[in-house]
Amino acid sequence: MKVITVVGARPQFIKSVPVSRALEAASVREFLVHTGQHYDVNMSQIFFDELGIPRPHVNLGVGSSTHGRQTGEMLIRLEEIILKEKPDMVLVYGDTNSTLAAALAAVKLHIPVAHVEAGLRSFNRQMPEEHNRVLTDHCADLFFCPTATAVENLTREGIKKGVYLTGDVMYDAVRIFSEQARDRSTILQRLGLTRGSYLLATVHRPRNTDDPQRLRALVEAFMRLDAPVIFPTHPRTRQRLSLLNLSPGYLAQRDVHLLDPVGYLDMLMLEQNARLILTDSGGIQKEAYFFAVPCITLREETEWVETVNAGWNVLVGADVEKILHFAHTFVPRVTPPPVFGDGRAADKIAAIIRTWDSHNRFSIK
């Protein structure tokens, strides 16, 4: 059996590692396509290097553009690859433009689509990611759900066939790479940090970066917190900060320390040793939960409602006073329950794909 896997953004590189290993162990041939959606060295190449991810068979090099142009260019090139390689299935991850383009290209050619992280919903229609994930689910044939909530979301939309509760592949990845991070990462020493002595912040979603008032409010809150804030900064975020005259030097004077994007192992070390995490990233919300680090989410909603229901995550948007209140008072009372599976989601996904193929093989005519 041959599967084309499509990745394009930093979180997808990480999620693909345990699944690619499991596919190989299950004797499933994988053809890896990198769309180039994340193309900066610090956002892309570093992950292939440090995680030992096999080099993609193809890098489309699409790069940054408007949503329509970027998705359209990916769709054109992915269609060409699918026609050439004639896979039995196309495997996609998450909710990026790469995800949607690959799903559309495959379904138009009658190639089955498997969606890892199916069923997630933020119910915020202003998020491009929400449209990507909904449309991908309504193109897909196999749905690999990380949580029971994701299964319920699909059921409400009438999607019941081909739905599997596998657990979360990001939990697999954290289990695989946490020990490597402790052995190989030196970021705490380089930055002079100790466990629990700092807060970790990330901001990258357009809702926060493209709205000057929201971005300024978030940074104002960071500057008023009671501990150093370590702030790995997405290139777009750094550009927006400069437009607000919030330079790295000015922020450092107020104990907010901008870093270039860091590698996955360094990020795992920063996450698991922080006193508190402030983020608008879905993936980091989960990683905070895996490490039992309290998380303040800089959004009004989340697709990972389990982290909120368990008492380890709180939604504050860009409200300065709420951020300050919870940063000073938020102490979860219970151990995080195991709602994201047992760390073997990738093995389950590979086994389902291999078995499913024997009954549902399609081909390009």
Protein backbone atom coordinates (compact mmCIF):
# COMPACT_ATOMS: atom_id res chain seq x y z
CA MET A 1 0.00 0.00 0.00
CA LYS A 2 1.18 3.51 -0.79
CA VAL A 3 0.21 6.64 1.13
CA ILE A 4 1.00 10.25 0.25
CA THR A 5 1.44 12.28 3.44
CA VAL A 6 1.15 16.05 3.10
CA VAL A 7 2.70 18.41 5.66
CA GLY A 8 3.47 22.08 5.48
CA ALA A 9 3.58 23.71 8.90
CA ARG A 10 5.67 23.30 12.02
CA PRO A 11 3.10 21.34 14.10
CA GLN A 12 2.50 18.93 11.22
CA PHE A 13 6.19 18.03 11.01
CA ILE A 14 6.04 17.00 14.67
CA LYS A 15 2.78 15.06 14.38
CA SER A 16 4.07 13.16 11.35
CA VAL A 17 7.05 11.63 13.15
CA PRO A 18 5.29 8.93 15.19
CA VAL A 19 2.84 8.19 12.38
CA SER A 20 5.58 7.85 9.75
CA ARG A 21 7.45 5.43 12.01
CA ALA A 22 4.29 3.42 12.60
CA LEU A 23 3.47 3.28 8.88
CA GLU A 24 6.95 1.97 8.13
CA ALA A 25 6.58 -0.68 10.83
CA ALA A 26 3.24 -1.67 9.28
CA SER A 27 4.89 -2.05 5.83
CA VAL A 28 2.97 0.90 4.39
CA ARG A 29 4.97 2.88 1.82
CA GLU A 30 4.89 6.60 2.51
CA PHE A 31 5.58 9.38 0.02
CA LEU A 32 6.16 12.58 2.01
CA VAL A 33 5.25 15.94 0.48
CA HIS A 34 6.21 19.26 2.11
CA THR A 35 4.14 22.09 0.66
CA GLY A 36 6.58 24.75 1.85
CA GLN A 37 3.86 26.62 3.76
CA HIS A 38 6.43 27.13 6.52
CA TYR A 39 9.67 27.81 4.68
CA ASP A 40 11.85 29.82 7.08
CA VAL A 41 14.79 27.73 8.40
CA ASN A 42 13.70 28.28 12.01
CA MET A 43 10.11 27.30 11.20
CA SER A 44 10.81 24.32 8.95
CA GLN A 45 14.29 22.96 8.26
CA ILE A 46 15.31 22.84 11.92
CA PHE A 47 12.55 20.32 12.63
CA PHE A 48 13.66 17.91 9.93
CA ASP A 49 17.24 18.22 11.20
CA GLU A 50 16.77 17.83 14.94
CA LEU A 51 13.92 15.31 14.93
CA GLY A 52 15.45 13.03 12.33
CA ILE A 53 12.43 13.34 10.05
CA PRO A 54 13.14 11.77 6.65
CA ARG A 55 13.65 14.35 3.94
CA PRO A 56 10.44 14.96 1.98
CA HIS A 57 10.31 13.28 -1.39
CA VAL A 58 9.00 16.60 -2.75
CA ASN A 59 9.10 20.16 -1.43
CA LEU A 60 6.62 22.30 -3.33
CA GLY A 61 8.17 25.54 -2.05
CA VAL A 62 4.86 27.39 -2.16
CA GLY A 63 5.79 29.83 0.60
CA SER A 64 3.70 32.65 2.03
CA SER A 65 0.87 34.41 0.23
CA THR A 66 -2.81 35.23 0.63
CA HIS A 67 -5.00 32.32 1.70
CA GLY A 68 -6.60 31.91 -1.71
CA ARG A 69 -3.40 32.14 -3.73
CA GLN A 70 -1.46 29.87 -1.38
CA THR A 71 -4.19 27.21 -1.22
CA GLY A 72 -4.75 27.37 -4.99
CA GLU A 73 -1.05 26.95 -5.77
CA MET A 74 -0.84 23.97 -3.42
CA LEU A 75 -3.94 22.43 -4.99
CA ILE A 76 -2.49 22.65 -8.50
CA ARG A 77 0.85 21.11 -7.53
CA LEU A 78 -0.59 18.42 -5.27
CA GLU A 79 -2.95 17.29 -8.02
CA GLU A 80 0.05 16.80 -10.30
CA ILE A 81 1.85 14.73 -7.66
CA ILE A 82 -1.18 12.55 -6.93
CA LEU A 83 -1.67 11.86 -10.64
CA LYS A 84 1.98 10.91 -10.98
CA GLU A 85 2.38 8.82 -7.83
CA LYS A 86 -1.06 7.11 -7.87
CA PRO A 87 -1.36 6.57 -4.10
CA ASP A 88 -3.96 4.40 -2.40
CA MET A 89 -4.62 7.14 0.13
CA VAL A 90 -3.70 10.73 1.03
CA LEU A 91 -2.98 11.42 4.70
CA VAL A 92 -3.38 14.94 6.09
CA TYR A 93 -2.93 16.56 9.50
CA GLY A 94 -4.76 19.27 11.38
CA ASP A 95 -6.22 22.43 9.90
CA THR A 96 -3.78 24.37 7.71
CA ASN A 97 -4.11 25.50 4.11
CA SER A 98 -1.88 22.53 3.25
CA THR A 99 -4.43 20.22 4.86
CA LEU A 100 -7.36 21.58 2.88
CA ALA A 101 -5.48 21.73 -0.43
CA ALA A 102 -4.37 18.10 -0.12
CA ALA A 103 -7.87 16.93 0.83
CA LEU A 104 -9.45 18.74 -2.12
CA ALA A 105 -6.85 17.50 -4.59
CA ALA A 106 -7.32 13.92 -3.45
CA VAL A 107 -11.12 13.84 -3.28
CA LYS A 108 -11.44 15.31 -6.78
CA LEU A 109 -9.35 12.39 -8.04
CA HIS A 110 -11.36 9.83 -6.04
CA ILE A 111 -8.45 9.06 -3.75
CA PRO A 112 -9.41 8.28 -0.13
CA VAL A 113 -8.46 10.93 2.43
CA ALA A 114 -7.41 10.15 6.01
CA HIS A 115 -7.54 13.07 8.46
CA VAL A 116 -5.45 13.05 11.62
CA GLU A 117 -7.00 15.35 14.27
CA ALA A 118 -10.44 14.99 12.73
CA GLY A 119 -13.47 16.40 14.52
CA LEU A 120 -11.87 19.41 16.19
CA ARG A 121 -14.09 22.47 16.39
CA SER A 122 -13.53 25.91 17.89
CA PHE A 123 -16.92 27.12 16.58
CA ASN A 124 -15.24 30.41 15.67
CA ARG A 125 -16.03 30.96 12.00
CA GLN A 126 -13.61 33.89 11.81
CA MET A 127 -10.66 31.49 12.11
CA PRO A 128 -9.30 30.26 8.76
CA GLU A 129 -8.33 27.05 10.54
CA GLU A 130 -11.97 26.35 11.45
CA HIS A 131 -13.03 26.37 7.81
CA ASN A 132 -10.03 24.22 6.85
CA ARG A 133 -10.81 21.54 9.43
CA VAL A 134 -14.56 21.44 8.72
CA LEU A 135 -14.12 21.22 4.95
CA THR A 136 -11.39 18.59 5.28
CA ASP A 137 -13.62 16.43 7.47
CA HIS A 138 -16.38 16.61 4.88
CA CYS A 139 -13.92 15.43 2.20
CA ALA A 140 -12.39 12.62 4.25
CA ASP A 141 -13.02 8.88 4.38
CA LEU A 142 -11.09 8.06 7.55
CA PHE A 143 -11.29 10.21 10.67
CA PHE A 144 -8.66 9.81 13.37
CA CYS A 145 -10.06 11.63 16.40
CA PRO A 146 -7.81 12.61 19.31
CA THR A 147 -10.62 12.84 21.87
CA ALA A 148 -14.16 11.71 22.55
CA THR A 149 -15.31 15.31 22.06
CA ALA A 150 -14.00 15.21 18.49
CA VAL A 151 -16.02 12.06 17.82
CA GLU A 152 -19.13 13.78 19.20
CA ASN A 153 -18.56 16.80 16.96
CA LEU A 154 -18.47 14.58 13.86
CA THR A 155 -21.59 12.71 14.96
CA ARG A 156 -23.49 16.00 15.24
CA GLU A 157 -22.49 16.76 11.65
CA GLY A 158 -23.74 13.38 10.45
CA ILE A 159 -20.28 11.81 10.08
CA LYS A 160 -20.29 8.34 11.64
CA LYS A 161 -18.64 5.96 9.17
CA GLY A 162 -14.85 5.60 9.26
CA VAL A 163 -14.55 7.44 12.60
CA TYR A 164 -11.95 6.16 15.06
CA LEU A 165 -11.02 7.39 18.54
CA THR A 166 -7.26 6.88 18.39
CA GLY A 167 -5.91 9.38 20.90
CA ASP A 168 -3.63 12.28 20.08
CA VAL A 169 -0.48 11.85 17.99
CA MET A 170 1.03 14.93 19.65
CA TYR A 171 0.98 13.01 22.92
CA ASP A 172 2.89 10.27 21.10
CA ALA A 173 5.44 12.85 19.94
CA VAL A 174 5.86 14.35 23.40
CA ARG A 175 6.45 10.90 24.86
CA ILE A 176 9.05 10.19 22.16
CA PHE A 177 10.94 13.46 22.34
CA SER A 178 10.72 14.63 25.97
CA GLU A 179 13.61 12.44 27.05
CA GLN A 180 15.69 13.60 24.09
CA ALA A 181 14.91 17.19 25.03
CA ARG A 182 16.21 16.64 28.57
CA ASP A 183 19.37 15.01 27.23
CA ARG A 184 20.13 17.36 24.32
CA SER A 185 18.59 20.77 24.92
CA THR A 186 20.73 23.43 26.61
CA ILE A 187 18.29 26.31 26.29
CA LEU A 188 17.69 26.71 30.02
CA GLN A 189 21.42 27.03 30.64
CA ARG A 190 21.89 29.41 27.71
CA LEU A 191 19.13 31.69 28.97
CA GLY A 192 20.05 31.38 32.64
CA LEU A 193 16.66 29.90 33.56
CA THR A 194 15.65 27.48 36.28
CA ARG A 195 12.49 25.44 36.70
CA GLY A 196 9.51 27.59 37.69
CA SER A 197 11.42 30.87 37.49
CA TYR A 198 9.80 32.20 34.29
CA LEU A 199 6.62 32.36 32.25
CA LEU A 200 6.47 31.21 28.61
CA ALA A 201 4.43 33.12 26.00
CA THR A 202 3.64 32.58 22.32
CA VAL A 203 1.41 34.65 20.04
CA HIS A 204 0.95 33.87 16.35
CA ARG A 205 -2.73 33.76 15.33
CA PRO A 206 -3.90 36.55 12.99
CA ARG A 207 -6.69 37.44 15.40
CA ASN A 208 -4.00 38.58 17.85
CA THR A 209 -1.14 39.64 15.60
CA ASP A 210 -3.09 41.56 12.95
CA ASP A 211 -5.18 43.58 15.40
CA PRO A 212 -2.90 46.29 16.84
CA GLN A 213 -5.11 46.86 19.87
CA ARG A 214 -5.16 43.19 20.81
CA LEU A 215 -1.43 42.74 20.28
CA ARG A 216 -0.60 45.83 22.32
CA ALA A 217 -2.92 44.66 25.10
CA LEU A 218 -1.23 41.26 25.23
CA VAL A 219 2.23 42.77 25.41
CA GLU A 220 1.07 45.26 28.05
CA ALA A 221 -0.09 42.34 30.15
CA PHE A 222 3.21 40.51 29.65
CA MET A 223 5.11 43.58 30.84
CA ARG A 224 3.04 43.69 34.03
CA LEU A 225 3.54 40.07 35.05
CA ASP A 226 5.55 39.18 38.14
CA ALA A 227 8.21 37.00 36.49
CA PRO A 228 10.39 37.09 33.37
CA VAL A 229 8.42 36.28 30.21
CA ILE A 230 10.23 34.17 27.61
CA PHE A 231 8.61 34.97 24.26
CA PRO A 232 9.68 32.89 21.20
CA THR A 233 8.36 35.03 18.41
CA HIS A 234 6.88 34.04 15.07
CA PRO A 235 8.36 36.17 12.23
CA ARG A 236 4.98 37.78 11.54
CA THR A 237 4.52 38.61 15.21
CA ARG A 238 7.93 40.24 15.41
CA GLN A 239 7.09 42.37 12.38
CA ARG A 240 3.81 43.48 13.96
CA LEU A 241 5.57 44.36 17.20
CA SER A 242 8.00 46.57 15.33
CA LEU A 243 5.09 48.44 13.76
CA LEU A 244 3.89 49.20 17.29
CA ASN A 245 7.39 50.44 18.24
CA LEU A 246 7.77 47.55 20.65
CA SER A 247 11.41 46.72 20.03
CA PRO A 248 13.23 43.74 21.58
CA GLY A 249 15.37 46.12 23.62
CA TYR A 250 12.38 48.03 24.98
CA LEU A 251 10.60 44.80 25.92
CA ALA A 252 13.70 43.29 27.53
CA GLN A 253 13.90 46.29 29.85
CA ARG A 254 10.46 45.25 31.08
CA ASP A 255 11.44 41.60 31.48
CA VAL A 256 9.80 40.38 28.25
CA HIS A 257 12.47 38.54 26.29
CA LEU A 258 11.93 37.97 22.58
CA LEU A 259 13.55 34.90 21.04
CA ASP A 260 13.71 33.71 17.47
CA PRO A 261 11.55 30.60 16.91
CA VAL A 262 13.16 27.71 18.74
CA GLY A 263 13.45 24.05 17.81
CA TYR A 264 11.03 21.46 19.11
CA LEU A 265 13.38 20.02 21.72
CA ASP A 266 14.15 23.48 23.11
CA MET A 267 10.44 24.29 23.14
CA LEU A 268 9.64 21.14 25.08
CA MET A 269 12.22 22.12 27.69
CA LEU A 270 10.83 25.65 27.95
CA GLU A 271 7.28 24.31 28.29
CA GLN A 272 7.85 21.66 30.91
CA ASN A 273 9.94 23.94 33.13
CA ALA A 274 7.78 27.08 32.95
CA ARG A 275 5.69 28.17 35.91
CA LEU A 276 2.88 29.14 33.55
CA ILE A 277 2.26 29.24 29.79
CA LEU A 278 0.39 32.00 27.94
CA THR A 279 -0.43 31.13 24.33
CA ASP A 280 -2.88 31.27 21.44
CA SER A 281 -1.49 28.00 20.01
CA GLY A 282 -3.65 24.89 20.06
CA GLY A 283 -0.64 22.60 20.16
CA ILE A 284 1.02 24.38 23.05
CA GLN A 285 -2.22 24.26 25.04
CA LYS A 286 -2.04 20.49 24.79
CA GLU A 287 1.67 20.25 25.53
CA ALA A 288 1.14 22.37 28.64
CA TYR A 289 -1.53 19.87 29.67
CA PHE A 290 0.76 16.89 28.99
CA PHE A 291 3.42 18.46 31.24
CA ALA A 292 0.88 19.55 33.90
CA VAL A 293 1.79 23.22 33.49
CA PRO A 294 -1.09 25.71 33.92
CA CYS A 295 -2.07 27.41 30.65
CA ILE A 296 -3.72 30.76 29.95
CA THR A 297 -5.11 30.79 26.42
CA LEU A 298 -5.10 34.18 24.70
CA ARG A 299 -8.29 33.42 22.78
CA GLU A 300 -12.01 33.49 23.50
CA GLU A 301 -12.45 29.84 22.46
CA THR A 302 -10.45 26.66 22.00
CA GLU A 303 -10.76 23.46 20.02
CA TRP A 304 -9.19 21.68 23.01
CA VAL A 305 -12.08 22.10 25.44
CA GLU A 306 -10.88 19.08 27.42
CA THR A 307 -8.00 21.12 28.83
CA VAL A 308 -10.44 23.76 30.09
CA ASN A 309 -12.92 21.24 31.48
CA ALA A 310 -10.10 19.52 33.37
CA GLY A 311 -9.18 22.79 35.06
CA TRP A 312 -5.72 23.22 33.50
CA ASN A 313 -6.52 25.89 30.92
CA VAL A 314 -8.44 29.15 31.09
CA LEU A 315 -9.65 31.34 28.20
CA VAL A 316 -8.97 35.07 28.58
CA GLY A 317 -8.80 36.55 25.07
CA ALA A 318 -6.78 39.77 25.03
CA ASP A 319 -8.24 41.11 28.29
CA VAL A 320 -5.34 42.58 30.27
CA GLU A 321 -7.02 42.37 33.66
CA LYS A 322 -8.09 38.76 33.14
CA ILE A 323 -4.57 37.81 32.08
CA LEU A 324 -3.08 39.44 35.15
CA HIS A 325 -5.69 37.95 37.47
CA PHE A 326 -5.23 34.38 36.32
CA ALA A 327 -1.46 34.69 35.99
CA HIS A 328 -1.33 35.51 39.69
CA THR A 329 -4.05 33.16 40.98
CA PHE A 330 -4.49 30.20 38.63
CA VAL A 331 -3.53 26.96 40.42
CA PRO A 332 -5.15 23.74 39.10
CA ARG A 333 -6.48 21.49 41.85
CA VAL A 334 -6.36 18.03 40.27
CA THR A 335 -3.96 15.90 38.22
CA PRO A 336 -4.70 16.18 34.47
CA PRO A 337 -6.92 13.21 33.51
CA PRO A 338 -5.73 11.11 30.54
CA VAL A 339 -8.19 12.42 27.95
CA PHE A 340 -5.72 12.32 25.02
CA GLY A 341 -5.11 8.60 24.88
CA ASP A 342 -2.29 6.29 25.89
CA GLY A 343 0.54 7.60 23.71
CA ARG A 344 0.06 4.93 21.03
CA ALA A 345 -2.24 6.78 18.63
CA ALA A 346 0.19 6.40 15.72
CA ASP A 347 0.23 2.60 15.98
CA LYS A 348 -3.57 2.55 15.93
CA ILE A 349 -3.69 4.86 12.91
CA ALA A 350 -1.20 2.76 10.94
CA ALA A 351 -3.06 -0.46 11.73
CA ILE A 352 -6.39 1.03 10.62
CA ILE A 353 -4.94 2.37 7.38
CA ARG A 354 -3.38 -0.95 6.49
CA THR A 355 -6.54 -2.93 7.25
CA TRP A 356 -8.88 -0.42 5.64
CA ASP A 357 -6.96 -0.55 2.37
CA SER A 358 -7.70 -4.23 1.84
CA HIS A 359 -11.44 -3.50 1.65
CA ASN A 360 -11.57 -0.03 0.14
CA ARG A 361 -8.91 0.32 -2.56
CA PHE A 362 -9.44 3.02 -5.16
CA SER A 363 -7.19 3.97 -8.05
CA ILE A 364 -6.81 6.74 -10.58
CA LYS A 365 -8.30 5.74 -13.91
